[in-house]
PDB file of N, CA and C in Angstrom:
ATOM      1  N   MET A   1       9.143 -33.943 -74.611  1.00  0.00           N
ATOM      2  CA  MET A   1       8.837 -33.044 -73.533  1.00  0.00           C
ATOM      3  C   MET A   1       7.348 -33.120 -73.241  1.00  0.00           C
ATOM      4  N   GLN A   2       7.027 -33.236 -72.001  1.00  0.00           N
ATOM      5  CA  GLN A   2       5.633 -33.268 -71.592  1.00  0.00           C
ATOM      6  C   GLN A   2       5.345 -32.018 -70.771  1.00  0.00           C
ATOM      7  N   VAL A   3       4.241 -31.359 -71.107  1.00  0.00           N
ATOM      8  CA  VAL A   3       3.867 -30.136 -70.415  1.00  0.00           C
ATOM      9  C   VAL A   3       2.532 -30.356 -69.734  1.00  0.00           C
ATOM     10  N   ASN A   4       2.419 -29.877 -68.532  1.00  0.00           N
ATOM     11  CA  ASN A   4       1.165 -29.950 -67.796  1.00  0.00           C
ATOM     12  C   ASN A   4       0.220 -28.904 -68.377  1.00  0.00           C
ATOM     13  N   ASN A   5      -0.827 -29.323 -69.034  1.00  0.00           N
ATOM     14  CA  ASN A   5      -1.763 -28.397 -69.675  1.00  0.00           C
ATOM     15  C   ASN A   5      -2.962 -28.063 -68.806  1.00  0.00           C
ATOM     16  N   PHE A   6      -2.875 -28.354 -67.532  1.00  0.00           N
ATOM     17  CA  PHE A   6      -3.976 -28.060 -66.631  1.00  0.00           C
ATOM     18  C   PHE A   6      -3.609 -26.859 -65.779  1.00  0.00           C
ATOM     19  N   GLY A   7      -4.403 -25.835 -65.820  1.00  0.00           N
ATOM     20  CA  GLY A   7      -4.134 -24.664 -65.000  1.00  0.00           C
ATOM     21  C   GLY A   7      -3.531 -23.535 -65.801  1.00  0.00           C
ATOM     22  N   PRO A   8      -3.410 -22.391 -65.177  1.00  0.00           N
ATOM     23  CA  PRO A   8      -2.854 -21.229 -65.864  1.00  0.00           C
ATOM     24  C   PRO A   8      -1.376 -21.420 -66.191  1.00  0.00           C
ATOM     25  N   VAL A   9      -0.907 -20.628 -67.118  1.00  0.00           N
ATOM     26  CA  VAL A   9       0.479 -20.740 -67.583  1.00  0.00           C
ATOM     27  C   VAL A   9       1.467 -20.572 -66.432  1.00  0.00           C
ATOM     28  N   THR A  10       1.147 -19.729 -65.471  1.00  0.00           N
ATOM     29  CA  THR A  10       2.080 -19.490 -64.364  1.00  0.00           C
ATOM     30  C   THR A  10       2.271 -20.722 -63.492  1.00  0.00           C
ATOM     31  N   ASN A  11       1.367 -21.683 -63.564  1.00  0.00           N
ATOM     32  CA  ASN A  11       1.479 -22.888 -62.747  1.00  0.00           C
ATOM     33  C   ASN A  11       1.944 -24.100 -63.542  1.00  0.00           C
ATOM     34  N   GLN A  12       2.417 -23.900 -64.752  1.00  0.00           N
ATOM     35  CA  GLN A  12       2.884 -25.000 -65.586  1.00  0.00           C
ATOM     36  C   GLN A  12       4.124 -25.632 -64.968  1.00  0.00           C
ATOM     37  N   THR A  13       4.268 -26.924 -65.148  1.00  0.00           N
ATOM     38  CA  THR A  13       5.463 -27.627 -64.695  1.00  0.00           C
ATOM     39  C   THR A  13       6.075 -28.351 -65.876  1.00  0.00           C
ATOM     40  N   ASN A  14       7.282 -28.812 -65.701  1.00  0.00           N
ATOM     41  CA  ASN A  14       7.993 -29.560 -66.740  1.00  0.00           C
ATOM     42  C   ASN A  14       8.187 -28.752 -68.022  1.00  0.00           C
ATOM     43  N   ILE A  15       8.390 -27.458 -67.897  1.00  0.00           N
ATOM     44  CA  ILE A  15       8.619 -26.628 -69.076  1.00  0.00           C
ATOM     45  C   ILE A  15      10.099 -26.699 -69.432  1.00  0.00           C
ATOM     46  N   ASP A  16      10.368 -26.973 -70.688  1.00  0.00           N
ATOM     47  CA  ASP A  16      11.743 -27.096 -71.160  1.00  0.00           C
ATOM     48  C   ASP A  16      12.355 -25.710 -71.309  1.00  0.00           C
ATOM     49  N   ARG A  17      13.339 -25.405 -70.506  1.00  0.00           N
ATOM     50  CA  ARG A  17      14.030 -24.117 -70.590  1.00  0.00           C
ATOM     51  C   ARG A  17      15.494 -24.316 -70.996  1.00  0.00           C
ATOM     52  N   SER A  18      15.734 -25.280 -71.837  1.00  0.00           N
ATOM     53  CA  SER A  18      17.104 -25.619 -72.208  1.00  0.00           C
ATOM     54  C   SER A  18      17.586 -24.802 -73.404  1.00  0.00           C
ATOM     55  N   LEU A  19      17.272 -23.528 -73.440  1.00  0.00           N
ATOM     56  CA  LEU A  19      17.794 -22.663 -74.482  1.00  0.00           C
ATOM     57  C   LEU A  19      19.291 -22.495 -74.252  1.00  0.00           C
ATOM     58  N   SER A  20      20.032 -22.380 -75.315  1.00  0.00           N
ATOM     59  CA  SER A  20      21.471 -22.237 -75.141  1.00  0.00           C
ATOM     60  C   SER A  20      21.847 -20.760 -75.077  1.00  0.00           C
ATOM     61  N   PHE A  21      22.792 -20.468 -74.231  1.00  0.00           N
ATOM     62  CA  PHE A  21      23.279 -19.111 -74.049  1.00  0.00           C
ATOM     63  C   PHE A  21      24.581 -18.955 -74.824  1.00  0.00           C
ATOM     64  N   PRO A  22      24.660 -18.008 -75.755  1.00  0.00           N
ATOM     65  CA  PRO A  22      25.852 -17.854 -76.601  1.00  0.00           C
ATOM     66  C   PRO A  22      26.995 -17.135 -75.880  1.00  0.00           C
ATOM     67  N   LYS A  23      27.616 -17.847 -74.942  1.00  0.00           N
ATOM     68  CA  LYS A  23      28.670 -17.235 -74.119  1.00  0.00           C
ATOM     69  C   LYS A  23      29.862 -16.783 -74.966  1.00  0.00           C
ATOM     70  N   ALA A  24      30.174 -17.523 -76.026  1.00  0.00           N
ATOM     71  CA  ALA A  24      31.302 -17.140 -76.884  1.00  0.00           C
ATOM     72  C   ALA A  24      31.050 -15.790 -77.558  1.00  0.00           C
ATOM     73  N   ASP A  25      29.800 -15.535 -77.959  1.00  0.00           N
ATOM     74  CA  ASP A  25      29.469 -14.242 -78.565  1.00  0.00           C
ATOM     75  C   ASP A  25      29.620 -13.112 -77.564  1.00  0.00           C
ATOM     76  N   VAL A  26      29.256 -13.376 -76.329  1.00  0.00           N
ATOM     77  CA  VAL A  26      29.393 -12.354 -75.284  1.00  0.00           C
ATOM     78  C   VAL A  26      30.872 -12.072 -75.030  1.00  0.00           C
ATOM     79  N   GLN A  27      31.680 -13.126 -74.970  1.00  0.00           N
ATOM     80  CA  GLN A  27      33.123 -12.932 -74.770  1.00  0.00           C
ATOM     81  C   GLN A  27      33.723 -12.126 -75.922  1.00  0.00           C
ATOM     82  N   ALA A  28      33.260 -12.397 -77.152  1.00  0.00           N
ATOM     83  CA  ALA A  28      33.741 -11.633 -78.308  1.00  0.00           C
ATOM     84  C   ALA A  28      33.300 -10.177 -78.217  1.00  0.00           C
ATOM     85  N   GLY A  29      32.092  -9.941 -77.714  1.00  0.00           N
ATOM     86  CA  GLY A  29      31.605  -8.574 -77.528  1.00  0.00           C
ATOM     87  C   GLY A  29      32.426  -7.816 -76.499  1.00  0.00           C
ATOM     88  N   ILE A  30      32.804  -8.512 -75.426  1.00  0.00           N
ATOM     89  CA  ILE A  30      33.653  -7.891 -74.407  1.00  0.00           C
ATOM     90  C   ILE A  30      35.009  -7.522 -75.005  1.00  0.00           C
ATOM     91  N   ALA A  31      35.569  -8.430 -75.787  1.00  0.00           N
ATOM     92  CA  ALA A  31      36.861  -8.152 -76.432  1.00  0.00           C
ATOM     93  C   ALA A  31      36.746  -6.967 -77.394  1.00  0.00           C
ATOM     94  N   GLN A  32      35.639  -6.904 -78.118  1.00  0.00           N
ATOM     95  CA  GLN A  32      35.421  -5.783 -79.050  1.00  0.00           C
ATOM     96  C   GLN A  32      35.312  -4.462 -78.291  1.00  0.00           C
ATOM     97  N   LEU A  33      34.608  -4.476 -77.161  1.00  0.00           N
ATOM     98  CA  LEU A  33      34.480  -3.254 -76.362  1.00  0.00           C
ATOM     99  C   LEU A  33      35.849  -2.815 -75.832  1.00  0.00           C
ATOM    100  N   ARG A  34      36.658  -3.776 -75.429  1.00  0.00           N
ATOM    101  CA  ARG A  34      38.021  -3.425 -74.964  1.00  0.00           C
ATOM    102  C   ARG A  34      38.826  -2.765 -76.082  1.00  0.00           C
ATOM    103  N   GLN A  35      38.647  -3.240 -77.318  1.00  0.00           N
ATOM    104  CA  GLN A  35      39.344  -2.625 -78.455  1.00  0.00           C
ATOM    105  C   GLN A  35      38.840  -1.200 -78.690  1.00  0.00           C
ATOM    106  N   LEU A  36      37.531  -0.999 -78.538  1.00  0.00           N
ATOM    107  CA  LEU A  36      36.970   0.341 -78.716  1.00  0.00           C
ATOM    108  C   LEU A  36      37.469   1.296 -77.625  1.00  0.00           C
ATOM    109  N   ILE A  37      37.631   0.764 -76.417  1.00  0.00           N
ATOM    110  CA  ILE A  37      38.177   1.575 -75.321  1.00  0.00           C
ATOM    111  C   ILE A  37      39.617   1.966 -75.650  1.00  0.00           C
ATOM    112  N   ALA A  38      40.404   0.990 -76.105  1.00  0.00           N
ATOM    113  CA  ALA A  38      41.805   1.249 -76.434  1.00  0.00           C
ATOM    114  C   ALA A  38      41.933   2.254 -77.580  1.00  0.00           C
ATOM    115  N   ALA A  39      40.986   2.223 -78.508  1.00  0.00           N
ATOM    116  CA  ALA A  39      41.021   3.146 -79.647  1.00  0.00           C
ATOM    117  C   ALA A  39      40.502   4.531 -79.278  1.00  0.00           C
ATOM    118  N   GLY A  40      39.913   4.664 -78.097  1.00  0.00           N
ATOM    119  CA  GLY A  40      39.405   5.950 -77.663  1.00  0.00           C
ATOM    120  C   GLY A  40      37.975   6.233 -78.105  1.00  0.00           C
ATOM    121  N   SER A  41      37.303   5.253 -78.668  1.00  0.00           N
ATOM    122  CA  SER A  41      35.923   5.443 -79.128  1.00  0.00           C
ATOM    123  C   SER A  41      34.927   5.463 -77.974  1.00  0.00           C
ATOM    124  N   ILE A  42      35.291   4.818 -76.879  1.00  0.00           N
ATOM    125  CA  ILE A  42      34.453   4.754 -75.675  1.00  0.00           C
ATOM    126  C   ILE A  42      35.308   5.261 -74.517  1.00  0.00           C
ATOM    127  N   PRO A  43      34.759   6.150 -73.667  1.00  0.00           N
ATOM    128  CA  PRO A  43      35.532   6.597 -72.491  1.00  0.00           C
ATOM    129  C   PRO A  43      35.943   5.402 -71.626  1.00  0.00           C
ATOM    130  N   GLN A  44      37.183   5.404 -71.190  1.00  0.00           N
ATOM    131  CA  GLN A  44      37.723   4.261 -70.464  1.00  0.00           C
ATOM    132  C   GLN A  44      36.940   3.943 -69.195  1.00  0.00           C
ATOM    133  N   ALA A  45      36.564   4.941 -68.424  1.00  0.00           N
ATOM    134  CA  ALA A  45      35.864   4.692 -67.160  1.00  0.00           C
ATOM    135  C   ALA A  45      34.528   3.983 -67.399  1.00  0.00           C
ATOM    136  N   ILE A  46      33.778   4.458 -68.372  1.00  0.00           N
ATOM    137  CA  ILE A  46      32.470   3.855 -68.662  1.00  0.00           C
ATOM    138  C   ILE A  46      32.645   2.457 -69.250  1.00  0.00           C
ATOM    139  N   GLY A  47      33.539   2.329 -70.197  1.00  0.00           N
ATOM    140  CA  GLY A  47      33.762   1.035 -70.836  1.00  0.00           C
ATOM    141  C   GLY A  47      34.233  -0.027 -69.865  1.00  0.00           C
ATOM    142  N   THR A  48      35.149   0.349 -68.984  1.00  0.00           N
ATOM    143  CA  THR A  48      35.653  -0.585 -67.987  1.00  0.00           C
ATOM    144  C   THR A  48      34.550  -1.009 -67.032  1.00  0.00           C
ATOM    145  N   GLU A  49      33.686  -0.073 -66.667  1.00  0.00           N
ATOM    146  CA  GLU A  49      32.556  -0.393 -65.788  1.00  0.00           C
ATOM    147  C   GLU A  49      31.619  -1.411 -66.447  1.00  0.00           C
ATOM    148  N   VAL A  50      31.345  -1.227 -67.735  1.00  0.00           N
ATOM    149  CA  VAL A  50      30.461  -2.151 -68.445  1.00  0.00           C
ATOM    150  C   VAL A  50      31.100  -3.531 -68.539  1.00  0.00           C
ATOM    151  N   VAL A  51      32.381  -3.579 -68.887  1.00  0.00           N
ATOM    152  CA  VAL A  51      33.085  -4.865 -68.987  1.00  0.00           C
ATOM    153  C   VAL A  51      33.048  -5.599 -67.648  1.00  0.00           C
ATOM    154  N   THR A  52      33.345  -4.883 -66.568  1.00  0.00           N
ATOM    155  CA  THR A  52      33.345  -5.488 -65.236  1.00  0.00           C
ATOM    156  C   THR A  52      31.962  -6.009 -64.875  1.00  0.00           C
ATOM    157  N   GLU A  53      30.946  -5.220 -65.163  1.00  0.00           N
ATOM    158  CA  GLU A  53      29.577  -5.621 -64.840  1.00  0.00           C
ATOM    159  C   GLU A  53      29.165  -6.878 -65.603  1.00  0.00           C
ATOM    160  N   VAL A  54      29.493  -6.936 -66.886  1.00  0.00           N
ATOM    161  CA  VAL A  54      29.148  -8.119 -67.687  1.00  0.00           C
ATOM    162  C   VAL A  54      29.880  -9.344 -67.162  1.00  0.00           C
ATOM    163  N   GLU A  55      31.174  -9.200 -66.894  1.00  0.00           N
ATOM    164  CA  GLU A  55      31.948 -10.340 -66.408  1.00  0.00           C
ATOM    165  C   GLU A  55      31.442 -10.832 -65.059  1.00  0.00           C
ATOM    166  N   GLN A  56      31.115  -9.918 -64.153  1.00  0.00           N
ATOM    167  CA  GLN A  56      30.600 -10.323 -62.843  1.00  0.00           C
ATOM    168  C   GLN A  56      29.248 -11.005 -62.969  1.00  0.00           C
ATOM    169  N   SER A  57      28.383 -10.478 -63.822  1.00  0.00           N
ATOM    170  CA  SER A  57      27.058 -11.078 -63.964  1.00  0.00           C
ATOM    171  C   SER A  57      27.117 -12.423 -64.672  1.00  0.00           C
ATOM    172  N   LEU A  58      28.137 -12.640 -65.501  1.00  0.00           N
ATOM    173  CA  LEU A  58      28.330 -13.958 -66.123  1.00  0.00           C
ATOM    174  C   LEU A  58      28.710 -15.002 -65.081  1.00  0.00           C
ATOM    175  N   ASN A  59      29.442 -14.577 -64.051  1.00  0.00           N
ATOM    176  CA  ASN A  59      29.960 -15.511 -63.060  1.00  0.00           C
ATOM    177  C   ASN A  59      29.046 -15.734 -61.860  1.00  0.00           C
ATOM    178  N   GLU A  60      27.986 -14.946 -61.731  1.00  0.00           N
ATOM    179  CA  GLU A  60      27.101 -15.106 -60.579  1.00  0.00           C
ATOM    180  C   GLU A  60      26.059 -16.191 -60.834  1.00  0.00           C
ATOM    181  N   ALA A  61      25.422 -16.622 -59.811  1.00  0.00           N
ATOM    182  CA  ALA A  61      24.314 -17.591 -59.866  1.00  0.00           C
ATOM    183  C   ALA A  61      24.706 -18.892 -60.552  1.00  0.00           C
ATOM    184  N   ASN A  62      25.918 -19.342 -60.277  1.00  0.00           N
ATOM    185  CA  ASN A  62      26.412 -20.616 -60.836  1.00  0.00           C
ATOM    186  C   ASN A  62      26.280 -20.693 -62.358  1.00  0.00           C
ATOM    187  N   GLY A  63      26.495 -19.584 -63.024  1.00  0.00           N
ATOM    188  CA  GLY A  63      26.464 -19.567 -64.471  1.00  0.00           C
ATOM    189  C   GLY A  63      25.080 -19.495 -65.088  1.00  0.00           C
ATOM    190  N   GLN A  64      24.050 -19.402 -64.272  1.00  0.00           N
ATOM    191  CA  GLN A  64      22.692 -19.289 -64.797  1.00  0.00           C
ATOM    192  C   GLN A  64      22.391 -17.829 -65.124  1.00  0.00           C
ATOM    193  N   PRO A  65      21.816 -17.572 -66.293  1.00  0.00           N
ATOM    194  CA  PRO A  65      21.473 -16.194 -66.652  1.00  0.00           C
ATOM    195  C   PRO A  65      20.485 -15.580 -65.664  1.00  0.00           C
ATOM    196  N   THR A  66      20.662 -14.287 -65.399  1.00  0.00           N
ATOM    197  CA  THR A  66      19.817 -13.563 -64.450  1.00  0.00           C
ATOM    198  C   THR A  66      19.379 -12.242 -65.072  1.00  0.00           C
ATOM    199  N   GLY A  67      18.508 -11.559 -64.375  1.00  0.00           N
ATOM    200  CA  GLY A  67      18.095 -10.236 -64.819  1.00  0.00           C
ATOM    201  C   GLY A  67      19.261  -9.263 -64.858  1.00  0.00           C
ATOM    202  N   ARG A  68      20.192  -9.418 -63.936  1.00  0.00           N
ATOM    203  CA  ARG A  68      21.377  -8.546 -63.924  1.00  0.00           C
ATOM    204  C   ARG A  68      22.211  -8.766 -65.190  1.00  0.00           C
ATOM    205  N   LEU A  69      22.333 -10.022 -65.618  1.00  0.00           N
ATOM    206  CA  LEU A  69      23.075 -10.306 -66.848  1.00  0.00           C
ATOM    207  C   LEU A  69      22.380  -9.656 -68.040  1.00  0.00           C
ATOM    208  N   LYS A  70      21.077  -9.759 -68.086  1.00  0.00           N
ATOM    209  CA  LYS A  70      20.332  -9.145 -69.190  1.00  0.00           C
ATOM    210  C   LYS A  70      20.592  -7.647 -69.238  1.00  0.00           C
ATOM    211  N   ALA A  71      20.515  -6.988 -68.082  1.00  0.00           N
ATOM    212  CA  ALA A  71      20.738  -5.539 -68.032  1.00  0.00           C
ATOM    213  C   ALA A  71      22.165  -5.179 -68.449  1.00  0.00           C
ATOM    214  N   SER A  72      23.135  -5.960 -68.004  1.00  0.00           N
ATOM    215  CA  SER A  72      24.523  -5.654 -68.356  1.00  0.00           C
ATOM    216  C   SER A  72      24.775  -5.897 -69.845  1.00  0.00           C
ATOM    217  N   LEU A  73      24.116  -6.905 -70.416  1.00  0.00           N
ATOM    218  CA  LEU A  73      24.258  -7.145 -71.859  1.00  0.00           C
ATOM    219  C   LEU A  73      23.621  -6.016 -72.671  1.00  0.00           C
ATOM    220  N   GLN A  74      22.541  -5.471 -72.166  1.00  0.00           N
ATOM    221  CA  GLN A  74      21.926  -4.334 -72.853  1.00  0.00           C
ATOM    222  C   GLN A  74      22.870  -3.142 -72.858  1.00  0.00           C
ATOM    223  N   ARG A  75      23.572  -2.917 -71.753  1.00  0.00           N
ATOM    224  CA  ARG A  75      24.567  -1.834 -71.710  1.00  0.00           C
ATOM    225  C   ARG A  75      25.727  -2.121 -72.658  1.00  0.00           C
ATOM    226  N   LEU A  76      26.149  -3.396 -72.710  1.00  0.00           N
ATOM    227  CA  LEU A  76      27.231  -3.774 -73.621  1.00  0.00           C
ATOM    228  C   LEU A  76      26.819  -3.519 -75.066  1.00  0.00           C
ATOM    229  N   ARG A  77      25.599  -3.925 -75.408  1.00  0.00           N
ATOM    230  CA  ARG A  77      25.089  -3.698 -76.774  1.00  0.00           C
ATOM    231  C   ARG A  77      25.089  -2.208 -77.094  1.00  0.00           C
ATOM    232  N   ASP A  78      24.611  -1.398 -76.164  1.00  0.00           N
ATOM    233  CA  ASP A  78      24.560   0.044 -76.392  1.00  0.00           C
ATOM    234  C   ASP A  78      25.955   0.636 -76.577  1.00  0.00           C
ATOM    235  N   MET A  79      26.905   0.212 -75.754  1.00  0.00           N
ATOM    236  CA  MET A  79      28.276   0.729 -75.861  1.00  0.00           C
ATOM    237  C   MET A  79      28.910   0.319 -77.187  1.00  0.00           C
ATOM    238  N   LEU A  80      28.655  -0.910 -77.632  1.00  0.00           N
ATOM    239  CA  LEU A  80      29.199  -1.343 -78.924  1.00  0.00           C
ATOM    240  C   LEU A  80      28.611  -0.510 -80.058  1.00  0.00           C
ATOM    241  N   ALA A  81      27.312  -0.245 -79.990  1.00  0.00           N
ATOM    242  CA  ALA A  81      26.669   0.549 -81.039  1.00  0.00           C
ATOM    243  C   ALA A  81      27.192   1.987 -81.036  1.00  0.00           C
ATOM    244  N   ILE A  82      27.327   2.563 -79.853  1.00  0.00           N
ATOM    245  CA  ILE A  82      27.819   3.939 -79.732  1.00  0.00           C
ATOM    246  C   ILE A  82      29.275   4.034 -80.200  1.00  0.00           C
ATOM    247  N   GLY A  83      30.061   3.013 -79.878  1.00  0.00           N
ATOM    248  CA  GLY A  83      31.484   3.039 -80.198  1.00  0.00           C
ATOM    249  C   GLY A  83      31.809   2.736 -81.643  1.00  0.00           C
ATOM    250  N   GLY A  84      30.817   2.303 -82.418  1.00  0.00           N
ATOM    251  CA  GLY A  84      31.050   2.057 -83.835  1.00  0.00           C
ATOM    252  C   GLY A  84      31.425   0.627 -84.173  1.00  0.00           C
ATOM    253  N   ALA A  85      31.033  -0.330 -83.327  1.00  0.00           N
ATOM    254  CA  ALA A  85      31.304  -1.736 -83.636  1.00  0.00           C
ATOM    255  C   ALA A  85      30.471  -2.154 -84.849  1.00  0.00           C
ATOM    256  N   SER A  86      30.849  -3.257 -85.459  1.00  0.00           N
ATOM    257  CA  SER A  86      30.117  -3.729 -86.638  1.00  0.00           C
ATOM    258  C   SER A  86      28.696  -4.130 -86.256  1.00  0.00           C
ATOM    259  N   ALA A  87      27.818  -4.062 -87.220  1.00  0.00           N
ATOM    260  CA  ALA A  87      26.418  -4.436 -86.990  1.00  0.00           C
ATOM    261  C   ALA A  87      26.315  -5.894 -86.581  1.00  0.00           C
ATOM    262  N   ASP A  88      27.220  -6.725 -87.076  1.00  0.00           N
ATOM    263  CA  ASP A  88      27.206  -8.148 -86.730  1.00  0.00           C
ATOM    264  C   ASP A  88      27.534  -8.353 -85.253  1.00  0.00           C
ATOM    265  N   ASP A  89      28.518  -7.607 -84.746  1.00  0.00           N
ATOM    266  CA  ASP A  89      28.865  -7.710 -83.322  1.00  0.00           C
ATOM    267  C   ASP A  89      27.706  -7.266 -82.439  1.00  0.00           C
ATOM    268  N   VAL A  90      27.056  -6.182 -82.825  1.00  0.00           N
ATOM    269  CA  VAL A  90      25.920  -5.676 -82.061  1.00  0.00           C
ATOM    270  C   VAL A  90      24.769  -6.690 -82.120  1.00  0.00           C
ATOM    271  N   ALA A  91      24.549  -7.283 -83.283  1.00  0.00           N
ATOM    272  CA  ALA A  91      23.464  -8.261 -83.441  1.00  0.00           C
ATOM    273  C   ALA A  91      23.709  -9.516 -82.607  1.00  0.00           C
ATOM    274  N   LYS A  92      24.956  -9.929 -82.477  1.00  0.00           N
ATOM    275  CA  LYS A  92      25.267 -11.109 -81.654  1.00  0.00           C
ATOM    276  C   LYS A  92      24.928 -10.859 -80.191  1.00  0.00           C
ATOM    277  N   ILE A  93      25.219  -9.672 -79.702  1.00  0.00           N
ATOM    278  CA  ILE A  93      24.877  -9.343 -78.318  1.00  0.00           C
ATOM    279  C   ILE A  93      23.359  -9.244 -78.170  1.00  0.00           C
ATOM    280  N   ALA A  94      22.697  -8.697 -79.170  1.00  0.00           N
ATOM    281  CA  ALA A  94      21.230  -8.641 -79.135  1.00  0.00           C
ATOM    282  C   ALA A  94      20.645 -10.053 -79.078  1.00  0.00           C
ATOM    283  N   GLY A  95      21.270 -10.988 -79.798  1.00  0.00           N
ATOM    284  CA  GLY A  95      20.835 -12.389 -79.744  1.00  0.00           C
ATOM    285  C   GLY A  95      21.040 -12.992 -78.370  1.00  0.00           C
ATOM    286  N   ALA A  96      22.135 -12.618 -77.721  1.00  0.00           N
ATOM    287  CA  ALA A  96      22.392 -13.109 -76.363  1.00  0.00           C
ATOM    288  C   ALA A  96      21.356 -12.554 -75.389  1.00  0.00           C
ATOM    289  N   ILE A  97      20.966 -11.300 -75.587  1.00  0.00           N
ATOM    290  CA  ILE A  97      19.927 -10.705 -74.739  1.00  0.00           C
ATOM    291  C   ILE A  97      18.622 -11.469 -74.913  1.00  0.00           C
ATOM    292  N   THR A  98      18.294 -11.802 -76.152  1.00  0.00           N
ATOM    293  CA  THR A  98      17.075 -12.577 -76.421  1.00  0.00           C
ATOM    294  C   THR A  98      17.129 -13.941 -75.763  1.00  0.00           C
ATOM    295  N   ALA A  99      18.299 -14.592 -75.827  1.00  0.00           N
ATOM    296  CA  ALA A  99      18.446 -15.900 -75.197  1.00  0.00           C
ATOM    297  C   ALA A  99      18.272 -15.809 -73.694  1.00  0.00           C
ATOM    298  N   VAL A 100      18.873 -14.800 -73.078  1.00  0.00           N
ATOM    299  CA  VAL A 100      18.730 -14.628 -71.624  1.00  0.00           C
ATOM    300  C   VAL A 100      17.266 -14.372 -71.281  1.00  0.00           C
ATOM    301  N   SER A 101      16.593 -13.551 -72.065  1.00  0.00           N
ATOM    302  CA  SER A 101      15.176 -13.272 -71.821  1.00  0.00           C
ATOM    303  C   SER A 101      14.355 -14.552 -71.865  1.00  0.00           C
ATOM    304  N   GLY A 102      14.656 -15.416 -72.835  1.00  0.00           N
ATOM    305  CA  GLY A 102      13.942 -16.675 -72.947  1.00  0.00           C
ATOM    306  C   GLY A 102      14.216 -17.599 -71.777  1.00  0.00           C
ATOM    307  N   ILE A 103      15.447 -17.614 -71.322  1.00  0.00           N
ATOM    308  CA  ILE A 103      15.826 -18.502 -70.229  1.00  0.00           C
ATOM    309  C   ILE A 103      15.233 -18.055 -68.900  1.00  0.00           C
ATOM    310  N   ILE A 104      15.307 -16.749 -68.634  1.00  0.00           N
ATOM    311  CA  ILE A 104      14.790 -16.270 -67.345  1.00  0.00           C
ATOM    312  C   ILE A 104      13.290 -16.015 -67.395  1.00  0.00           C
ATOM    313  N   GLY A 105      12.727 -16.077 -68.590  1.00  0.00           N
ATOM    314  CA  GLY A 105      11.282 -15.930 -68.721  1.00  0.00           C
ATOM    315  C   GLY A 105      10.796 -14.500 -68.704  1.00  0.00           C
ATOM    316  N   GLY A 106      11.537 -13.616 -69.313  1.00  0.00           N
ATOM    317  CA  GLY A 106      11.044 -12.226 -69.313  1.00  0.00           C
ATOM    318  C   GLY A 106      11.666 -11.396 -70.309  1.00  0.00           C
TER     319      GLY A 106
END
């Protein structure tokens, strides 16, 4: 990888942004949230809204992560934590949030 080292960071070119997005972990988080909804740990209206938002944001922008995806993943992480999901499930979604942040640059 070659990086242009001339000029401020905002004007850099050829920056490698090939971080991988853990889509399988997000899908597992969605499935876990659906189980929490079915068990009554999360109100159905709120849980369904979060699931829909995550799924829509996954499918927008030709599969490229966006700020909307980051925000929806943060809501998913919060709902999993509130609903009593395992720490590992919550950590996987937190990792996905970090990956999206790295990819979109924020």
